[in-house]
Amino acid sequence: MSSTKYVDSIELVRKCLRGKKLTKDEFKKILSDALSNKLPDVALAAFIVRQELKPFTLDEIADLTLAMVETGETVDFGPDTVDKHSIGGVPGNKVSLLIVPIIASTGLKIPKTSSRSITTIGTADTMEVLAPVDLSLEEVIEVVNRTNGCLVWGGSLNIAPADDLFIKKVESVLSIDPISQMLASIMAKKMAMGVRYLVIDIPQGRGTKVETIEDAMRLAQMFVTLGQKLGVDIEAAITYGDQPVGHAVGPALEAKEALTTLEGNIVSTSLVEKATGLAGMLLEMTGRVSKGRGANVAKDILFSGKALKKMREIIEAQGGNPNVSADDIPVGQYKEDIEAPADGYVVMIDNQAVIAIVRAAGAPQDKGAGVYLPKKGGRYVKRGETIMTIYSNNEARLDRAVALARTLQPIVIEGMIRRKVSKPTIFEQFPIEEEERKQLI
């Protein structure tokens, strides 16, 4: 019996690779065999890579979503259940740590589940600095019923478990996140948690997953249409993604910045505006406030201290210290400053370079590792002024991160010299064809 199932799922992957349409039951068969270790890793990888090369249609994505939901646990918190999800790709996007307590304080349920990081720092990585995130489904239900919200890792809940399998065995290894699989994974997680209203954050800009406004609009329409097919009310927000959100990138640094903001000390207007804007959309979608007033109401909740009070309740319910303050959060014990090489305005921050540096420093495994960017785009700096501080709990990793930062130069200041290259070096570092070499010489 098991041998037949094993062969069947392999054949279904072959069918998928040939570009044939799969049904919900066929998707469910692949997922079930993968979850029971009856599908080889190479076949699982082929299933994901096929989507990277040729995405599924929206109808197929809807069927895959339902199959993912049906192969795991589900929960129903009632009709007033909402959530926000970012597709990721922009560093420092810790807005969920503000949005969840803002929304939960209004009486709406917001059971926020998050994956571990694939390309940058995940919400679960950051929340773990403040409280445990590896809760069971029963514990999550208890936390949400008690506080109206949570910020947990979805991998321990057995909700749409295939998603975590894909991330662990394929996506994180290959650093890919196929659009069709991303859509199905996000929707499956939300539907399994009983979400009725969903705001999708699509960061758009240089170095993000979606670099052009046209691609962002297409993806937004895909989410909205998919929501209609699956019975979930979705609004998509295309947000500014040309540089990190806030000043901090790295679990402890981001948790510290978020908690500082909840405490009423506004260190980043971009963080406040984005968080309250997205929270406001949820408030308007559910009819809690009239159209056009959502962001202002969200700001009132944030600045009044209600969101901080609610966040402390959530931290305590998840097993953390409710009295923790931003000053209590430790960051990497070793640090080094990167200085501006010239006078001028910051004209660009390279998202991908920032992420590479943060990872080189040890994040997200090292919670204290990361970078702090005191100067964002448009700010004037003087030569010798600190434009980046790199943190780590390991001296060797810090050295590697610093060396990488000096090579990549993620912060571009107008007029600065970005590279000094000799003729042999360009050929050694960037191999080119002989004919091109002759033309350059």
Protein backbone atom coordinates (compact mmCIF):
# COMPACT_ATOMS: atom_id res chain seq x y z
CA MET A 1 0.00 0.00 0.00
CA SER A 2 2.69 2.49 1.04
CA SER A 3 4.80 1.55 -1.99
CA THR A 4 1.91 2.38 -4.33
CA LYS A 5 1.39 5.76 -2.67
CA TYR A 6 5.10 6.46 -2.97
CA VAL A 7 5.13 5.74 -6.71
CA ASP A 8 1.94 7.75 -7.24
CA SER A 9 3.33 10.90 -5.66
CA ILE A 10 6.51 10.63 -7.73
CA GLU A 11 4.39 10.36 -10.85
CA LEU A 12 2.39 13.43 -9.79
CA VAL A 13 5.61 15.41 -9.42
CA ARG A 14 6.60 14.27 -12.92
CA LYS A 15 3.20 15.41 -14.17
CA CYS A 16 3.79 18.78 -12.53
CA LEU A 17 7.24 19.05 -14.15
CA ARG A 18 5.66 18.42 -17.55
CA GLY A 19 3.46 21.47 -17.01
CA LYS A 20 0.24 19.52 -16.52
CA LYS A 21 -2.42 20.91 -14.18
CA LEU A 22 -2.83 19.15 -10.83
CA THR A 23 -6.09 18.87 -8.89
CA LYS A 24 -6.55 19.62 -5.19
CA ASP A 25 -6.52 15.90 -4.38
CA GLU A 26 -3.31 15.42 -6.37
CA PHE A 27 -1.65 18.31 -4.54
CA LYS A 28 -2.87 16.81 -1.28
CA LYS A 29 -1.32 13.47 -2.24
CA ILE A 30 2.10 15.08 -2.84
CA LEU A 31 1.91 17.01 0.42
CA SER A 32 0.76 14.01 2.47
CA ASP A 33 3.58 11.84 1.18
CA ALA A 34 6.11 14.61 1.73
CA LEU A 35 4.96 15.08 5.33
CA SER A 36 5.18 11.34 6.00
CA ASN A 37 8.68 11.18 4.47
CA LYS A 38 7.50 9.04 1.55
CA LEU A 39 8.57 11.63 -1.02
CA PRO A 40 12.34 11.94 -1.61
CA ASP A 41 13.91 15.33 -1.01
CA VAL A 42 14.93 15.55 -4.66
CA ALA A 43 11.27 15.24 -5.73
CA LEU A 44 10.26 17.84 -3.15
CA ALA A 45 12.92 20.17 -4.50
CA ALA A 46 11.72 19.54 -8.06
CA PHE A 47 8.17 20.48 -7.03
CA ILE A 48 9.35 23.83 -5.62
CA VAL A 49 11.89 24.61 -8.37
CA ARG A 50 9.24 23.96 -11.03
CA GLN A 51 7.21 26.79 -9.46
CA GLU A 52 10.25 29.05 -9.49
CA LEU A 53 10.62 28.45 -13.24
CA LYS A 54 6.91 28.33 -14.13
CA PRO A 55 4.40 29.53 -11.50
CA PHE A 56 1.04 27.80 -11.08
CA THR A 57 -2.17 29.46 -12.27
CA LEU A 58 -4.43 31.12 -9.69
CA ASP A 59 -6.85 28.19 -9.85
CA GLU A 60 -3.97 25.80 -9.15
CA ILE A 61 -2.75 28.04 -6.33
CA ALA A 62 -6.24 27.99 -4.79
CA ASP A 63 -6.29 24.17 -4.96
CA LEU A 64 -2.76 23.95 -3.52
CA THR A 65 -3.81 26.30 -0.71
CA LEU A 66 -6.80 24.15 0.23
CA ALA A 67 -4.63 21.02 0.10
CA MET A 68 -2.12 22.65 2.45
CA VAL A 69 -4.90 23.61 4.87
CA GLU A 70 -6.41 20.13 4.84
CA THR A 71 -3.10 18.40 5.63
CA GLY A 72 -2.78 20.19 8.99
CA GLU A 73 -4.66 21.51 12.01
CA THR A 74 -7.21 24.32 11.82
CA VAL A 75 -8.71 26.69 14.39
CA ASP A 76 -11.61 29.15 14.43
CA PHE A 77 -11.40 32.31 16.55
CA GLY A 78 -14.64 33.73 15.18
CA PRO A 79 -15.70 36.27 12.54
CA ASP A 80 -13.57 39.14 13.90
CA THR A 81 -10.25 37.42 13.17
CA VAL A 82 -7.73 39.46 11.19
CA ASP A 83 -4.05 39.40 10.29
CA LYS A 84 -1.32 41.22 8.44
CA HIS A 85 1.42 39.53 6.45
CA SER A 86 4.48 40.87 4.67
CA ILE A 87 5.92 39.01 1.71
CA GLY A 88 9.34 39.98 3.11
CA GLY A 89 12.51 41.02 1.37
CA VAL A 90 13.05 44.37 3.09
CA PRO A 91 15.33 44.45 6.17
CA GLY A 92 14.14 45.70 9.55
CA ASN A 93 10.44 45.10 8.87
CA LYS A 94 9.44 44.67 12.52
CA VAL A 95 6.03 46.34 12.08
CA SER A 96 4.08 43.29 13.32
CA LEU A 97 5.39 43.95 16.83
CA LEU A 98 3.44 47.22 16.72
CA ILE A 99 0.45 46.12 14.63
CA VAL A 100 -0.52 43.08 16.73
CA PRO A 101 -0.90 44.97 20.05
CA ILE A 102 -2.60 47.92 18.33
CA ILE A 103 -5.22 45.64 16.75
CA ALA A 104 -5.60 43.33 19.76
CA SER A 105 -6.34 46.31 22.00
CA THR A 106 -9.49 47.03 19.92
CA GLY A 107 -11.04 43.62 20.63
CA LEU A 108 -10.27 42.12 17.23
CA LYS A 109 -8.48 38.76 17.24
CA ILE A 110 -5.08 38.75 15.52
CA PRO A 111 -3.32 35.35 15.79
CA LYS A 112 -0.05 36.29 14.10
CA THR A 113 1.98 33.27 13.01
CA SER A 114 5.33 33.71 11.30
CA SER A 115 7.91 31.56 9.59
CA ARG A 116 11.57 31.63 10.44
CA SER A 117 13.65 33.84 8.19
CA ILE A 118 14.24 32.82 4.58
CA THR A 119 15.84 35.95 3.13
CA THR A 120 15.99 38.39 6.08
CA ILE A 121 14.97 38.48 9.77
CA GLY A 122 11.53 36.95 10.43
CA THR A 123 8.94 38.21 12.92
CA ALA A 124 9.31 35.00 14.94
CA ASP A 125 13.09 35.57 15.16
CA THR A 126 12.49 39.04 16.60
CA MET A 127 9.61 38.20 18.96
CA GLU A 128 11.68 35.36 20.38
CA VAL A 129 13.87 38.00 22.03
CA LEU A 130 10.86 39.05 24.13
CA ALA A 131 9.02 35.76 24.69
CA PRO A 132 8.90 32.10 23.63
CA VAL A 133 7.41 31.62 20.16
CA ASP A 134 7.49 27.80 19.93
CA LEU A 135 4.02 27.37 21.39
CA SER A 136 1.64 24.45 20.82
CA LEU A 137 -1.67 25.09 19.10
CA GLU A 138 -3.48 24.66 22.42
CA GLU A 139 -1.20 27.28 24.00
CA VAL A 140 -1.78 29.69 21.09
CA ILE A 141 -5.54 29.32 21.46
CA GLU A 142 -5.22 30.09 25.16
CA VAL A 143 -3.02 33.15 24.52
CA VAL A 144 -5.35 34.58 21.84
CA ASN A 145 -8.49 33.97 23.89
CA ARG A 146 -6.80 35.70 26.82
CA THR A 147 -5.20 38.69 25.03
CA ASN A 148 -6.78 38.77 21.53
CA GLY A 149 -3.35 38.40 19.90
CA CYS A 150 -0.11 36.47 19.66
CA LEU A 151 3.23 36.54 17.82
CA VAL A 152 4.38 32.95 17.38
CA TRP A 153 6.31 30.64 15.09
CA GLY A 154 3.95 28.64 12.89
CA GLY A 155 6.27 25.66 12.61
CA SER A 156 5.27 24.12 15.95
CA LEU A 157 1.50 24.40 15.35
CA ASN A 158 1.02 21.82 12.60
CA ILE A 159 -0.97 24.36 10.59
CA ALA A 160 -0.27 23.98 6.87
CA PRO A 161 2.85 22.00 7.93
CA ALA A 162 4.01 21.49 4.35
CA ASP A 163 5.05 25.15 4.26
CA ASP A 164 7.64 24.65 6.99
CA LEU A 165 8.85 21.50 5.27
CA PHE A 166 9.35 23.42 2.02
CA ILE A 167 11.21 26.20 3.82
CA LYS A 168 13.49 23.85 5.75
CA LYS A 169 14.35 21.40 2.97
CA VAL A 170 14.28 23.55 -0.15
CA GLU A 171 13.60 27.28 0.03
CA SER A 172 16.10 28.21 2.75
CA VAL A 173 18.75 25.94 1.19
CA LEU A 174 18.37 27.43 -2.30
CA SER A 175 17.34 30.92 -1.08
CA ILE A 176 14.27 30.90 -3.32
CA ASP A 177 10.65 31.78 -2.60
CA PRO A 178 8.52 31.00 -5.70
CA ILE A 179 5.56 33.34 -6.12
CA SER A 180 2.90 30.64 -6.51
CA GLN A 181 4.20 28.71 -3.49
CA MET A 182 4.49 31.95 -1.50
CA LEU A 183 0.85 32.80 -2.27
CA ALA A 184 -0.36 29.33 -1.32
CA SER A 185 1.75 29.17 1.84
CA ILE A 186 0.64 32.57 3.13
CA MET A 187 -3.03 31.92 2.41
CA ALA A 188 -2.94 28.40 3.86
CA LYS A 189 -1.42 29.62 7.14
CA LYS A 190 -4.00 32.38 7.43
CA MET A 191 -6.98 30.18 6.54
CA ALA A 192 -5.84 27.50 8.99
CA MET A 193 -5.91 30.13 11.74
CA GLY A 194 -9.42 31.21 10.76
CA VAL A 195 -8.43 34.64 9.40
CA ARG A 196 -11.34 36.47 7.73
CA TYR A 197 -9.64 39.80 6.95
CA LEU A 198 -6.06 40.05 5.74
CA VAL A 199 -3.76 42.92 4.81
CA ILE A 200 -0.81 41.96 2.62
CA ASP A 201 2.30 44.15 2.79
CA ILE A 202 4.23 44.17 -0.50
CA PRO A 203 7.53 46.09 -0.08
CA GLN A 204 8.57 47.41 -3.49
CA GLY A 205 11.94 48.84 -4.42
CA ARG A 206 15.61 48.12 -5.06
CA GLY A 207 16.79 44.87 -3.52
CA THR A 208 13.32 43.63 -2.52
CA LYS A 209 11.43 40.64 -3.87
CA VAL A 210 9.37 43.03 -6.02
CA GLU A 211 11.47 45.76 -7.59
CA THR A 212 9.00 47.49 -9.94
CA ILE A 213 5.62 49.05 -9.25
CA GLU A 214 4.17 47.08 -12.17
CA ASP A 215 5.22 43.76 -10.62
CA ALA A 216 3.92 44.92 -7.25
CA MET A 217 0.52 45.76 -8.75
CA ARG A 218 0.34 42.35 -10.43
CA LEU A 219 1.17 40.56 -7.20
CA ALA A 220 -1.35 42.66 -5.27
CA GLN A 221 -4.08 41.74 -7.75
CA MET A 222 -3.12 38.07 -7.46
CA PHE A 223 -3.56 38.19 -3.68
CA VAL A 224 -6.91 40.00 -3.89
CA THR A 225 -8.23 37.62 -6.55
CA LEU A 226 -6.99 34.56 -4.66
CA GLY A 227 -8.73 35.86 -1.55
CA GLN A 228 -11.98 36.09 -3.49
CA LYS A 229 -11.60 32.49 -4.65
CA LEU A 230 -10.96 31.31 -1.09
CA GLY A 231 -13.45 33.48 0.79
CA VAL A 232 -10.94 35.75 2.56
CA ASP A 233 -11.31 39.55 2.41
CA ILE A 234 -7.87 40.84 1.30
CA GLU A 235 -6.43 44.28 0.76
CA ALA A 236 -2.84 44.67 -0.42
CA ALA A 237 -0.58 47.59 0.46
CA ILE A 238 2.37 48.37 -1.78
CA THR A 239 4.91 49.88 0.58
CA TYR A 240 8.23 51.70 0.24
CA GLY A 241 11.04 49.16 0.12
CA ASP A 242 14.10 51.03 -1.17
CA GLN A 243 15.72 50.94 2.27
CA PRO A 244 15.26 49.16 5.63
CA VAL A 245 12.26 49.93 7.83
CA GLY A 246 13.50 51.81 10.87
CA HIS A 247 17.17 51.90 11.82
CA ALA A 248 17.74 48.41 13.24
CA VAL A 249 18.23 45.06 11.48
CA GLY A 250 18.72 41.94 13.59
CA PRO A 251 16.51 40.16 16.18
CA ALA A 252 17.54 41.95 19.40
CA LEU A 253 18.12 45.30 17.72
CA GLU A 254 14.70 45.17 16.05
CA ALA A 255 12.95 44.05 19.25
CA LYS A 256 14.64 46.92 21.06
CA GLU A 257 13.52 49.43 18.42
CA ALA A 258 9.94 48.13 18.42
CA LEU A 259 9.67 48.18 22.20
CA THR A 260 11.21 51.66 22.32
CA THR A 261 8.46 52.82 19.95
CA LEU A 262 5.72 51.16 22.00
CA GLU A 263 7.13 52.92 25.06
CA GLY A 264 6.43 56.23 23.33
CA ASN A 265 9.92 57.12 22.12
CA ILE A 266 9.62 57.60 18.37
CA VAL A 267 13.01 56.73 16.89
CA SER A 268 11.80 56.08 13.34
CA THR A 269 8.92 57.78 11.57
CA SER A 270 9.06 55.14 8.80
CA LEU A 271 8.37 52.40 11.36
CA VAL A 272 5.49 54.32 12.95
CA GLU A 273 3.89 55.37 9.66
CA LYS A 274 4.07 51.92 8.11
CA ALA A 275 2.78 50.09 11.20
CA THR A 276 -0.13 52.46 11.83
CA GLY A 277 -0.97 52.63 8.12
CA LEU A 278 -1.30 48.84 7.86
CA ALA A 279 -3.12 48.57 11.20
CA GLY A 280 -5.47 51.30 10.02
CA MET A 281 -6.35 49.29 6.92
CA LEU A 282 -7.43 46.37 9.11
CA LEU A 283 -9.54 48.64 11.31
CA GLU A 284 -11.29 50.06 8.25
CA MET A 285 -11.82 46.65 6.58
CA THR A 286 -13.61 45.31 9.66
CA GLY A 287 -15.76 48.42 10.01
CA ARG A 288 -14.29 49.37 13.37
CA VAL A 289 -13.57 52.85 12.03
CA SER A 290 -14.76 54.76 8.99
CA LYS A 291 -12.76 54.90 5.79
CA GLY A 292 -9.82 57.28 5.92
CA ARG A 293 -9.57 57.33 9.73
CA GLY A 294 -7.82 54.01 10.34
CA ALA A 295 -4.22 55.23 10.49
CA ASN A 296 -5.10 58.09 12.85
CA VAL A 297 -6.98 55.78 15.19
CA ALA A 298 -4.04 53.35 15.15
CA LYS A 299 -1.67 56.21 16.03
CA ASP A 300 -3.92 57.25 18.90
CA ILE A 301 -3.79 53.69 20.28
CA LEU A 302 0.00 53.60 19.89
CA PHE A 303 0.67 57.00 21.47
CA SER A 304 -1.84 56.50 24.30
CA GLY A 305 0.07 53.55 25.74
CA LYS A 306 -2.74 51.06 25.05
CA ALA A 307 -0.59 49.16 22.57
CA LEU A 308 2.28 48.90 25.07
CA LYS A 309 -0.09 47.57 27.73
CA LYS A 310 -1.46 44.99 25.31
CA MET A 311 2.03 43.97 24.18
CA ARG A 312 3.02 43.35 27.79
CA GLU A 313 -0.06 41.14 28.19
CA ILE A 314 0.89 39.15 25.10
CA ILE A 315 4.52 38.80 26.22
CA GLU A 316 3.38 37.51 29.62
CA ALA A 317 0.82 35.12 28.12
CA GLN A 318 3.52 33.64 25.86
CA GLY A 319 5.85 33.09 28.83
CA GLY A 320 8.04 36.19 28.68
CA ASN A 321 8.76 38.96 31.18
CA PRO A 322 5.91 41.50 30.94
CA ASN A 323 8.01 44.16 32.64
CA VAL A 324 10.83 44.05 30.09
CA SER A 325 11.86 47.44 28.76
CA ALA A 326 13.85 48.38 25.69
CA ASP A 327 16.88 49.13 27.86
CA ASP A 328 16.84 45.54 29.19
CA ILE A 329 17.39 43.94 25.79
CA PRO A 330 21.04 42.92 25.29
CA VAL A 331 22.67 43.26 21.87
CA GLY A 332 25.93 41.79 20.58
CA GLN A 333 28.80 42.32 23.01
CA TYR A 334 31.22 43.10 20.18
CA LYS A 335 30.64 45.99 17.82
CA GLU A 336 32.42 48.11 15.23
CA ASP A 337 31.47 51.34 13.51
CA ILE A 338 31.62 51.92 9.77
CA GLU A 339 32.37 55.54 8.96
CA ALA A 340 31.32 57.74 6.06
CA PRO A 341 34.11 57.93 3.45
CA ALA A 342 32.99 61.37 2.24
CA ASP A 343 30.75 64.34 2.95
CA GLY A 344 27.34 64.29 1.28
CA TYR A 345 23.80 62.98 1.34
CA VAL A 346 22.92 59.29 1.69
CA VAL A 347 21.47 58.49 -1.73
CA MET A 348 21.03 54.71 -1.46
CA ILE A 349 21.03 51.83 1.00
CA ASP A 350 21.52 48.41 -0.57
CA ASN A 351 18.99 46.07 1.08
CA GLN A 352 20.65 42.87 -0.07
CA ALA A 353 24.07 44.02 1.11
CA VAL A 354 22.63 44.91 4.53
CA ILE A 355 21.05 41.45 4.81
CA ALA A 356 24.34 39.79 3.81
CA ILE A 357 26.22 41.74 6.48
CA VAL A 358 23.65 40.93 9.17
CA ARG A 359 23.86 37.24 8.35
CA ALA A 360 27.66 37.34 8.30
CA ALA A 361 27.50 38.78 11.81
CA GLY A 362 25.54 35.70 12.92
CA ALA A 363 21.87 36.64 12.75
CA PRO A 364 19.27 35.30 13.21
CA GLN A 365 20.83 32.43 15.18
CA ASP A 366 22.82 34.98 17.20
CA LYS A 367 19.98 37.15 18.50
CA GLY A 368 22.35 40.00 19.36
CA ALA A 369 23.89 40.17 15.89
CA GLY A 370 22.84 42.81 13.40
CA VAL A 371 23.39 46.37 12.25
CA TYR A 372 22.17 49.79 13.30
CA LEU A 373 21.85 52.48 10.64
CA PRO A 374 21.74 55.95 12.24
CA LYS A 375 21.50 57.73 8.88
CA LYS A 376 18.86 56.78 6.31
CA GLY A 377 18.32 57.97 2.74
CA GLY A 378 18.30 61.73 2.29
CA ARG A 379 20.27 62.47 5.45
CA TYR A 380 23.47 64.53 5.27
CA VAL A 381 26.63 62.98 6.72
CA LYS A 382 30.18 64.19 7.20
CA ARG A 383 33.29 62.22 6.46
CA GLY A 384 34.23 60.11 9.48
CA GLU A 385 30.71 60.11 10.89
CA THR A 386 29.26 56.69 11.83
CA ILE A 387 26.83 55.43 9.19
CA MET A 388 26.58 51.81 10.37
CA THR A 389 27.33 49.94 13.58
CA ILE A 390 27.73 46.16 13.30
CA TYR A 391 27.05 43.94 16.34
CA SER A 392 27.87 40.31 17.07
CA ASN A 393 28.52 37.98 20.01
CA ASN A 394 31.41 36.39 18.11
CA GLU A 395 34.58 38.34 17.30
CA ALA A 396 35.44 36.27 14.23
CA ARG A 397 31.95 36.75 12.79
CA LEU A 398 32.14 40.46 13.52
CA ASP A 399 35.43 40.67 11.63
CA ARG A 400 33.88 38.89 8.64
CA ALA A 401 30.84 41.16 8.70
CA VAL A 402 33.01 44.28 8.89
CA ALA A 403 35.18 43.09 5.99
CA LEU A 404 32.03 42.39 3.97
CA ALA A 405 30.64 45.83 4.77
CA ARG A 406 33.84 47.50 3.59
CA THR A 407 33.69 45.48 0.37
CA LEU A 408 29.98 45.87 -0.41
CA GLN A 409 29.63 49.48 0.79
CA PRO A 410 25.86 49.19 1.34
CA ILE A 411 25.41 52.87 2.15
CA VAL A 412 26.06 55.09 -0.85
CA ILE A 413 26.90 58.76 -0.32
CA GLU A 414 26.78 61.10 -3.28
CA GLY A 415 30.22 61.76 -4.70
CA MET A 416 31.94 58.90 -2.88
CA ILE A 417 34.31 56.57 -4.72
CA ARG A 418 32.71 53.14 -4.53
CA ARG A 419 35.49 51.00 -6.04
CA LYS A 420 39.14 51.25 -6.96
CA VAL A 421 39.84 48.57 -9.56
CA SER A 422 42.98 47.70 -11.51
CA LYS A 423 42.75 46.07 -14.92
CA PRO A 424 43.85 42.56 -13.83
CA THR A 425 41.46 42.63 -10.86
CA ILE A 426 38.35 43.07 -12.95
CA PHE A 427 39.28 40.05 -15.05
CA GLU A 428 40.06 37.95 -11.99
CA GLN A 429 36.92 38.81 -10.03
CA PHE A 430 34.46 39.00 -12.90
CA PRO A 431 35.39 36.43 -15.59
CA ILE A 432 34.43 37.50 -19.09
CA GLU A 433 34.75 36.09 -22.55
CA GLU A 434 38.02 36.61 -24.45
CA GLU A 435 36.35 38.74 -27.12
CA GLU A 436 34.92 41.10 -24.45
CA ARG A 437 38.34 41.26 -22.78
CA LYS A 438 39.94 42.47 -26.04
CA GLN A 439 37.27 45.17 -26.40
CA LEU A 440 37.88 46.42 -22.85
CA ILE A 441 41.64 46.54 -23.37
